[in-house]
Protein backbone atom coordinates (compact mmCIF):
# COMPACT_ATOMS: atom_id res chain seq x y z
CA UNK A 1 0.00 0.00 0.00
CA UNK A 2 1.33 3.39 -1.01
CA UNK A 3 1.14 6.11 1.64
CA UNK A 4 2.01 9.73 0.90
CA UNK A 5 2.36 12.83 3.05
CA UNK A 6 1.12 16.00 1.37
CA UNK A 7 0.25 19.57 2.30
CA UNK A 8 -3.02 20.93 0.93
CA UNK A 9 -3.89 24.57 1.28
CA UNK A 10 -7.41 25.60 2.22
CA UNK A 11 -9.94 24.63 -0.43
CA UNK A 12 -13.65 24.99 -1.08
CA UNK A 13 -16.21 22.25 -1.68
CA UNK A 14 -19.86 22.65 -2.63
CA UNK A 15 -22.00 19.59 -2.15
CA UNK A 16 -24.99 17.88 -0.59
CA UNK A 17 -24.87 17.81 3.20
CA UNK A 18 -26.15 15.15 5.51
CA UNK A 19 -25.94 14.29 9.19
CA UNK A 20 -26.40 11.01 10.96
CA UNK A 21 -25.11 8.39 13.34
CA UNK A 22 -21.50 7.48 12.62
CA UNK A 23 -22.17 3.76 12.78
CA UNK A 24 -24.97 4.16 10.20
CA UNK A 25 -22.89 6.17 7.68
CA UNK A 26 -23.15 3.45 5.02
CA UNK A 27 -26.95 3.85 5.19
CA UNK A 28 -27.26 7.64 4.85
CA UNK A 29 -24.14 8.72 2.89
CA UNK A 30 -24.93 6.98 -0.46
CA UNK A 31 -28.13 9.03 -0.74
CA UNK A 32 -26.04 12.24 -0.57
CA UNK A 33 -23.88 11.02 -3.46
CA UNK A 34 -26.95 10.08 -5.48
CA UNK A 35 -28.43 13.54 -4.92
CA UNK A 36 -25.14 15.32 -5.71
CA UNK A 37 -24.46 13.28 -8.85
CA UNK A 38 -27.99 13.61 -10.22
CA UNK A 39 -27.96 17.40 -9.75
CA UNK A 40 -24.30 18.08 -10.65
CA UNK A 41 -25.37 20.25 -13.59
CA UNK A 42 -26.39 22.89 -11.00
CA UNK A 43 -22.76 23.36 -9.88
CA UNK A 44 -20.61 22.14 -12.81
CA UNK A 45 -19.85 25.75 -13.84
CA UNK A 46 -18.41 26.38 -10.34
CA UNK A 47 -15.99 23.43 -10.42
CA UNK A 48 -12.28 24.14 -10.11
CA UNK A 49 -10.48 22.84 -13.20
CA UNK A 50 -6.88 21.82 -13.79
CA UNK A 51 -4.74 22.92 -16.76
CA UNK A 52 -6.31 20.23 -18.98
CA UNK A 53 -9.86 21.36 -18.21
CA UNK A 54 -10.61 18.39 -15.92
CA UNK A 55 -12.34 18.77 -12.57
CA UNK A 56 -9.69 18.96 -9.82
CA UNK A 57 -11.51 16.68 -7.43
CA UNK A 58 -14.64 15.15 -6.01
CA UNK A 59 -14.68 15.06 -2.20
CA UNK A 60 -16.47 13.36 0.64
CA UNK A 61 -15.77 15.85 3.43
CA UNK A 62 -16.43 14.80 7.00
CA UNK A 63 -16.90 17.00 10.04
CA UNK A 64 -18.25 16.93 13.55
CA UNK A 65 -21.83 18.16 13.95
CA UNK A 66 -20.58 21.66 14.93
CA UNK A 67 -18.78 21.89 11.56
CA UNK A 68 -15.33 22.45 13.10
CA UNK A 69 -13.82 19.70 10.90
CA UNK A 70 -13.18 17.56 13.97
CA UNK A 71 -13.58 13.79 13.78
CA UNK A 72 -16.96 12.14 14.15
CA UNK A 73 -18.18 11.19 17.58
CA UNK A 74 -21.54 9.41 17.86
CA UNK A 75 -22.84 11.57 15.01
CA UNK A 76 -21.16 13.31 12.12
CA UNK A 77 -21.74 15.41 9.05
CA UNK A 78 -20.76 14.52 5.51
CA UNK A 79 -20.58 16.74 2.43
CA UNK A 80 -20.65 14.91 -0.92
CA UNK A 81 -19.38 17.38 -3.45
CA UNK A 82 -16.94 18.94 -5.83
CA UNK A 83 -13.93 21.17 -5.28
CA UNK A 84 -14.93 24.59 -6.57
CA UNK A 85 -13.48 28.03 -7.16
CA UNK A 86 -12.92 29.75 -3.82
CA UNK A 87 -15.32 32.62 -4.60
CA UNK A 88 -18.16 30.30 -5.67
CA UNK A 89 -21.52 30.64 -3.97
CA UNK A 90 -23.61 27.55 -3.25
CA UNK A 91 -26.91 27.39 -5.15
CA UNK A 92 -30.15 26.67 -3.29
CA UNK A 93 -30.17 23.24 -1.62
CA UNK A 94 -26.35 22.99 -1.77
CA UNK A 95 -23.81 23.75 0.99
CA UNK A 96 -20.39 25.36 0.78
CA UNK A 97 -17.58 24.40 3.13
CA UNK A 98 -14.10 25.92 3.23
CA UNK A 99 -11.70 23.26 4.47
CA UNK A 100 -8.66 24.58 6.39
CA UNK A 101 -5.07 23.96 5.31
CA UNK A 102 -3.58 20.71 6.65
CA UNK A 103 -0.73 18.33 6.23
CA UNK A 104 -2.26 14.92 5.42
CA UNK A 105 -1.23 11.30 5.37
CA UNK A 106 -2.92 9.93 2.25
CA UNK A 107 -3.70 6.27 1.54
CA UNK A 108 -5.51 4.81 -1.47
CA UNK A 109 -8.26 2.22 -1.17
CA UNK A 110 -11.38 0.95 -2.91
CA UNK A 111 -14.91 0.71 -1.54
CA UNK A 112 -14.16 -2.96 -0.78
CA UNK A 113 -10.94 -2.20 1.15
CA UNK A 114 -12.11 1.09 2.71
CA UNK A 115 -12.84 -0.22 6.22
CA UNK A 116 -9.67 -2.33 6.40
CA UNK A 117 -7.41 0.50 5.18
CA UNK A 118 -9.11 3.01 7.50
CA UNK A 119 -8.61 0.74 10.53
CA UNK A 120 -5.02 -0.07 9.55
CA UNK A 121 -4.16 3.64 9.20
CA UNK A 122 -5.82 4.60 12.49
CA UNK A 123 -4.62 1.64 14.57
CA UNK A 124 -1.23 0.80 13.08
CA UNK A 125 0.32 3.14 10.52
CA UNK A 126 -0.35 6.49 12.21
CA UNK A 127 0.62 5.35 15.74
CA UNK A 128 3.75 3.55 14.46
CA UNK A 129 4.87 6.77 12.76
CA UNK A 130 3.89 8.87 15.80
CA UNK A 131 1.25 10.83 13.88
CA UNK A 132 -1.85 12.13 15.64
CA UNK A 133 -5.09 12.91 13.85
CA UNK A 134 -5.96 16.61 14.23
CA UNK A 135 -9.28 16.67 12.37
CA UNK A 136 -11.80 14.70 10.35
CA UNK A 137 -10.70 12.29 7.64
CA UNK A 138 -11.77 13.16 4.08
CA UNK A 139 -12.32 11.11 0.93
CA UNK A 140 -10.88 12.23 -2.40
CA UNK A 141 -12.14 10.86 -5.70
CA UNK A 142 -9.99 11.70 -8.72
CA UNK A 143 -12.40 12.23 -11.64
CA UNK A 144 -9.74 10.86 -14.04
CA UNK A 145 -9.39 7.55 -12.15
CA UNK A 146 -11.52 4.85 -13.65
CA UNK A 147 -10.24 1.99 -11.48
CA UNK A 148 -12.60 2.60 -8.55
CA UNK A 149 -9.92 3.92 -6.20
CA UNK A 150 -10.28 6.76 -3.76
CA UNK A 151 -7.82 8.37 -1.37
CA UNK A 152 -8.34 8.80 2.36
CA UNK A 153 -6.88 12.05 3.72
CA UNK A 154 -5.87 11.79 7.40
CA UNK A 155 -5.05 15.30 8.76
CA UNK A 156 -1.93 15.23 10.96
CA UNK A 157 -1.08 18.94 11.23
CA UNK A 158 -2.97 22.17 10.72
CA UNK A 159 -0.92 24.58 8.57
C-alpha atoms as a PDB file:
ATOM      1  CA  UNK A   1       0.000   0.000   0.000  1.00  0.00           C
ATOM      2  CA  UNK A   2       1.327   3.388  -1.013  1.00  0.00           C
ATOM      3  CA  UNK A   3       1.140   6.107   1.638  1.00  0.00           C
ATOM      4  CA  UNK A   4       2.012   9.734   0.901  1.00  0.00           C
ATOM      5  CA  UNK A   5       2.363  12.830   3.046  1.00  0.00           C
ATOM      6  CA  UNK A   6       1.122  16.004   1.374  1.00  0.00           C
ATOM      7  CA  UNK A   7       0.246  19.570   2.297  1.00  0.00           C
ATOM      8  CA  UNK A   8      -3.016  20.928   0.933  1.00  0.00           C
ATOM      9  CA  UNK A   9      -3.893  24.573   1.276  1.00  0.00           C
ATOM     10  CA  UNK A  10      -7.405  25.600   2.220  1.00  0.00           C
ATOM     11  CA  UNK A  11      -9.938  24.632  -0.433  1.00  0.00           C
ATOM     12  CA  UNK A  12     -13.651  24.988  -1.080  1.00  0.00           C
ATOM     13  CA  UNK A  13     -16.205  22.247  -1.679  1.00  0.00           C
ATOM     14  CA  UNK A  14     -19.860  22.653  -2.628  1.00  0.00           C
ATOM     15  CA  UNK A  15     -22.001  19.593  -2.146  1.00  0.00           C
ATOM     16  CA  UNK A  16     -24.985  17.875  -0.594  1.00  0.00           C
ATOM     17  CA  UNK A  17     -24.872  17.813   3.200  1.00  0.00           C
ATOM     18  CA  UNK A  18     -26.153  15.145   5.513  1.00  0.00           C
ATOM     19  CA  UNK A  19     -25.935  14.289   9.193  1.00  0.00           C
ATOM     20  CA  UNK A  20     -26.397  11.009  10.961  1.00  0.00           C
ATOM     21  CA  UNK A  21     -25.110   8.394  13.342  1.00  0.00           C
ATOM     22  CA  UNK A  22     -21.501   7.483  12.617  1.00  0.00           C
ATOM     23  CA  UNK A  23     -22.171   3.757  12.778  1.00  0.00           C
ATOM     24  CA  UNK A  24     -24.968   4.162  10.198  1.00  0.00           C
ATOM     25  CA  UNK A  25     -22.886   6.166   7.683  1.00  0.00           C
ATOM     26  CA  UNK A  26     -23.147   3.453   5.016  1.00  0.00           C
ATOM     27  CA  UNK A  27     -26.945   3.850   5.189  1.00  0.00           C
ATOM     28  CA  UNK A  28     -27.259   7.645   4.852  1.00  0.00           C
ATOM     29  CA  UNK A  29     -24.143   8.716   2.892  1.00  0.00           C
ATOM     30  CA  UNK A  30     -24.931   6.979  -0.457  1.00  0.00           C
ATOM     31  CA  UNK A  31     -28.134   9.035  -0.740  1.00  0.00           C
ATOM     32  CA  UNK A  32     -26.038  12.235  -0.572  1.00  0.00           C
ATOM     33  CA  UNK A  33     -23.876  11.024  -3.462  1.00  0.00           C
ATOM     34  CA  UNK A  34     -26.950  10.078  -5.479  1.00  0.00           C
ATOM     35  CA  UNK A  35     -28.429  13.536  -4.921  1.00  0.00           C
ATOM     36  CA  UNK A  36     -25.136  15.323  -5.706  1.00  0.00           C
ATOM     37  CA  UNK A  37     -24.463  13.284  -8.847  1.00  0.00           C
ATOM     38  CA  UNK A  38     -27.989  13.609 -10.221  1.00  0.00           C
ATOM     39  CA  UNK A  39     -27.955  17.398  -9.746  1.00  0.00           C
ATOM     40  CA  UNK A  40     -24.304  18.081 -10.655  1.00  0.00           C
ATOM     41  CA  UNK A  41     -25.367  20.249 -13.595  1.00  0.00           C
ATOM     42  CA  UNK A  42     -26.394  22.889 -10.995  1.00  0.00           C
ATOM     43  CA  UNK A  43     -22.764  23.363  -9.881  1.00  0.00           C
ATOM     44  CA  UNK A  44     -20.615  22.144 -12.807  1.00  0.00           C
ATOM     45  CA  UNK A  45     -19.847  25.746 -13.841  1.00  0.00           C
ATOM     46  CA  UNK A  46     -18.406  26.383 -10.344  1.00  0.00           C
ATOM     47  CA  UNK A  47     -15.988  23.435 -10.417  1.00  0.00           C
ATOM     48  CA  UNK A  48     -12.276  24.142 -10.111  1.00  0.00           C
ATOM     49  CA  UNK A  49     -10.479  22.840 -13.204  1.00  0.00           C
ATOM     50  CA  UNK A  50      -6.877  21.823 -13.792  1.00  0.00           C
ATOM     51  CA  UNK A  51      -4.740  22.916 -16.765  1.00  0.00           C
ATOM     52  CA  UNK A  52      -6.305  20.227 -18.982  1.00  0.00           C
ATOM     53  CA  UNK A  53      -9.863  21.359 -18.205  1.00  0.00           C
ATOM     54  CA  UNK A  54     -10.609  18.394 -15.919  1.00  0.00           C
ATOM     55  CA  UNK A  55     -12.340  18.774 -12.569  1.00  0.00           C
ATOM     56  CA  UNK A  56      -9.693  18.960  -9.822  1.00  0.00           C
ATOM     57  CA  UNK A  57     -11.508  16.679  -7.434  1.00  0.00           C
ATOM     58  CA  UNK A  58     -14.637  15.153  -6.007  1.00  0.00           C
ATOM     59  CA  UNK A  59     -14.676  15.060  -2.203  1.00  0.00           C
ATOM     60  CA  UNK A  60     -16.467  13.365   0.636  1.00  0.00           C
ATOM     61  CA  UNK A  61     -15.773  15.854   3.430  1.00  0.00           C
ATOM     62  CA  UNK A  62     -16.429  14.801   7.000  1.00  0.00           C
ATOM     63  CA  UNK A  63     -16.900  16.995  10.044  1.00  0.00           C
ATOM     64  CA  UNK A  64     -18.245  16.929  13.553  1.00  0.00           C
ATOM     65  CA  UNK A  65     -21.825  18.161  13.954  1.00  0.00           C
ATOM     66  CA  UNK A  66     -20.584  21.656  14.932  1.00  0.00           C
ATOM     67  CA  UNK A  67     -18.780  21.887  11.562  1.00  0.00           C
ATOM     68  CA  UNK A  68     -15.332  22.446  13.101  1.00  0.00           C
ATOM     69  CA  UNK A  69     -13.822  19.698  10.903  1.00  0.00           C
ATOM     70  CA  UNK A  70     -13.182  17.562  13.973  1.00  0.00           C
ATOM     71  CA  UNK A  71     -13.585  13.791  13.776  1.00  0.00           C
ATOM     72  CA  UNK A  72     -16.956  12.143  14.148  1.00  0.00           C
ATOM     73  CA  UNK A  73     -18.185  11.191  17.582  1.00  0.00           C
ATOM     74  CA  UNK A  74     -21.536   9.407  17.863  1.00  0.00           C
ATOM     75  CA  UNK A  75     -22.836  11.566  15.011  1.00  0.00           C
ATOM     76  CA  UNK A  76     -21.164  13.305  12.120  1.00  0.00           C
ATOM     77  CA  UNK A  77     -21.739  15.410   9.047  1.00  0.00           C
ATOM     78  CA  UNK A  78     -20.759  14.515   5.508  1.00  0.00           C
ATOM     79  CA  UNK A  79     -20.583  16.742   2.433  1.00  0.00           C
ATOM     80  CA  UNK A  80     -20.647  14.906  -0.915  1.00  0.00           C
ATOM     81  CA  UNK A  81     -19.384  17.377  -3.451  1.00  0.00           C
ATOM     82  CA  UNK A  82     -16.938  18.935  -5.825  1.00  0.00           C
ATOM     83  CA  UNK A  83     -13.926  21.171  -5.276  1.00  0.00           C
ATOM     84  CA  UNK A  84     -14.928  24.588  -6.565  1.00  0.00           C
ATOM     85  CA  UNK A  85     -13.481  28.027  -7.160  1.00  0.00           C
ATOM     86  CA  UNK A  86     -12.918  29.754  -3.824  1.00  0.00           C
ATOM     87  CA  UNK A  87     -15.322  32.619  -4.597  1.00  0.00           C
ATOM     88  CA  UNK A  88     -18.159  30.300  -5.671  1.00  0.00           C
ATOM     89  CA  UNK A  89     -21.522  30.638  -3.973  1.00  0.00           C
ATOM     90  CA  UNK A  90     -23.608  27.552  -3.251  1.00  0.00           C
ATOM     91  CA  UNK A  91     -26.906  27.394  -5.145  1.00  0.00           C
ATOM     92  CA  UNK A  92     -30.147  26.666  -3.289  1.00  0.00           C
ATOM     93  CA  UNK A  93     -30.168  23.238  -1.620  1.00  0.00           C
ATOM     94  CA  UNK A  94     -26.354  22.991  -1.769  1.00  0.00           C
ATOM     95  CA  UNK A  95     -23.809  23.753   0.994  1.00  0.00           C
ATOM     96  CA  UNK A  96     -20.393  25.357   0.785  1.00  0.00           C
ATOM     97  CA  UNK A  97     -17.580  24.397   3.134  1.00  0.00           C
ATOM     98  CA  UNK A  98     -14.103  25.921   3.228  1.00  0.00           C
ATOM     99  CA  UNK A  99     -11.700  23.257   4.467  1.00  0.00           C
ATOM    100  CA  UNK A 100      -8.664  24.581   6.395  1.00  0.00           C
ATOM    101  CA  UNK A 101      -5.068  23.959   5.313  1.00  0.00           C
ATOM    102  CA  UNK A 102      -3.585  20.712   6.649  1.00  0.00           C
ATOM    103  CA  UNK A 103      -0.727  18.325   6.233  1.00  0.00           C
ATOM    104  CA  UNK A 104      -2.256  14.923   5.423  1.00  0.00           C
ATOM    105  CA  UNK A 105      -1.229  11.304   5.368  1.00  0.00           C
ATOM    106  CA  UNK A 106      -2.916   9.925   2.247  1.00  0.00           C
ATOM    107  CA  UNK A 107      -3.705   6.267   1.539  1.00  0.00           C
ATOM    108  CA  UNK A 108      -5.511   4.806  -1.468  1.00  0.00           C
ATOM    109  CA  UNK A 109      -8.256   2.220  -1.170  1.00  0.00           C
ATOM    110  CA  UNK A 110     -11.382   0.946  -2.913  1.00  0.00           C
ATOM    111  CA  UNK A 111     -14.906   0.708  -1.540  1.00  0.00           C
ATOM    112  CA  UNK A 112     -14.158  -2.958  -0.779  1.00  0.00           C
ATOM    113  CA  UNK A 113     -10.936  -2.203   1.153  1.00  0.00           C
ATOM    114  CA  UNK A 114     -12.114   1.089   2.715  1.00  0.00           C
ATOM    115  CA  UNK A 115     -12.835  -0.220   6.224  1.00  0.00           C
ATOM    116  CA  UNK A 116      -9.668  -2.330   6.398  1.00  0.00           C
ATOM    117  CA  UNK A 117      -7.412   0.496   5.184  1.00  0.00           C
ATOM    118  CA  UNK A 118      -9.111   3.007   7.498  1.00  0.00           C
ATOM    119  CA  UNK A 119      -8.614   0.739  10.532  1.00  0.00           C
ATOM    120  CA  UNK A 120      -5.022  -0.067   9.550  1.00  0.00           C
ATOM    121  CA  UNK A 121      -4.155   3.636   9.195  1.00  0.00           C
ATOM    122  CA  UNK A 122      -5.820   4.604  12.490  1.00  0.00           C
ATOM    123  CA  UNK A 123      -4.623   1.635  14.573  1.00  0.00           C
ATOM    124  CA  UNK A 124      -1.233   0.802  13.085  1.00  0.00           C
ATOM    125  CA  UNK A 125       0.325   3.141  10.524  1.00  0.00           C
ATOM    126  CA  UNK A 126      -0.354   6.488  12.207  1.00  0.00           C
ATOM    127  CA  UNK A 127       0.623   5.353  15.744  1.00  0.00           C
ATOM    128  CA  UNK A 128       3.754   3.551  14.463  1.00  0.00           C
ATOM    129  CA  UNK A 129       4.868   6.772  12.765  1.00  0.00           C
ATOM    130  CA  UNK A 130       3.893   8.875  15.796  1.00  0.00           C
ATOM    131  CA  UNK A 131       1.250  10.833  13.882  1.00  0.00           C
ATOM    132  CA  UNK A 132      -1.851  12.131  15.640  1.00  0.00           C
ATOM    133  CA  UNK A 133      -5.091  12.908  13.849  1.00  0.00           C
ATOM    134  CA  UNK A 134      -5.964  16.608  14.232  1.00  0.00           C
ATOM    135  CA  UNK A 135      -9.282  16.670  12.366  1.00  0.00           C
ATOM    136  CA  UNK A 136     -11.800  14.705  10.351  1.00  0.00           C
ATOM    137  CA  UNK A 137     -10.703  12.289   7.640  1.00  0.00           C
ATOM    138  CA  UNK A 138     -11.771  13.157   4.078  1.00  0.00           C
ATOM    139  CA  UNK A 139     -12.320  11.113   0.931  1.00  0.00           C
ATOM    140  CA  UNK A 140     -10.879  12.234  -2.397  1.00  0.00           C
ATOM    141  CA  UNK A 141     -12.143  10.857  -5.703  1.00  0.00           C
ATOM    142  CA  UNK A 142      -9.985  11.704  -8.716  1.00  0.00           C
ATOM    143  CA  UNK A 143     -12.396  12.232 -11.638  1.00  0.00           C
ATOM    144  CA  UNK A 144      -9.743  10.865 -14.039  1.00  0.00           C
ATOM    145  CA  UNK A 145      -9.385   7.553 -12.153  1.00  0.00           C
ATOM    146  CA  UNK A 146     -11.516   4.850 -13.649  1.00  0.00           C
ATOM    147  CA  UNK A 147     -10.244   1.986 -11.481  1.00  0.00           C
ATOM    148  CA  UNK A 148     -12.599   2.605  -8.554  1.00  0.00           C
ATOM    149  CA  UNK A 149      -9.923   3.925  -6.200  1.00  0.00           C
ATOM    150  CA  UNK A 150     -10.278   6.762  -3.757  1.00  0.00           C
ATOM    151  CA  UNK A 151      -7.823   8.365  -1.368  1.00  0.00           C
ATOM    152  CA  UNK A 152      -8.337   8.799   2.358  1.00  0.00           C
ATOM    153  CA  UNK A 153      -6.881  12.047   3.720  1.00  0.00           C
ATOM    154  CA  UNK A 154      -5.873  11.791   7.395  1.00  0.00           C
ATOM    155  CA  UNK A 155      -5.051  15.300   8.759  1.00  0.00           C
ATOM    156  CA  UNK A 156      -1.927  15.232  10.956  1.00  0.00           C
ATOM    157  CA  UNK A 157      -1.082  18.939  11.229  1.00  0.00           C
ATOM    158  CA  UNK A 158      -2.966  22.172  10.721  1.00  0.00           C
ATOM    159  CA  UNK A 159      -0.923  24.579   8.573  1.00  0.00           C
END
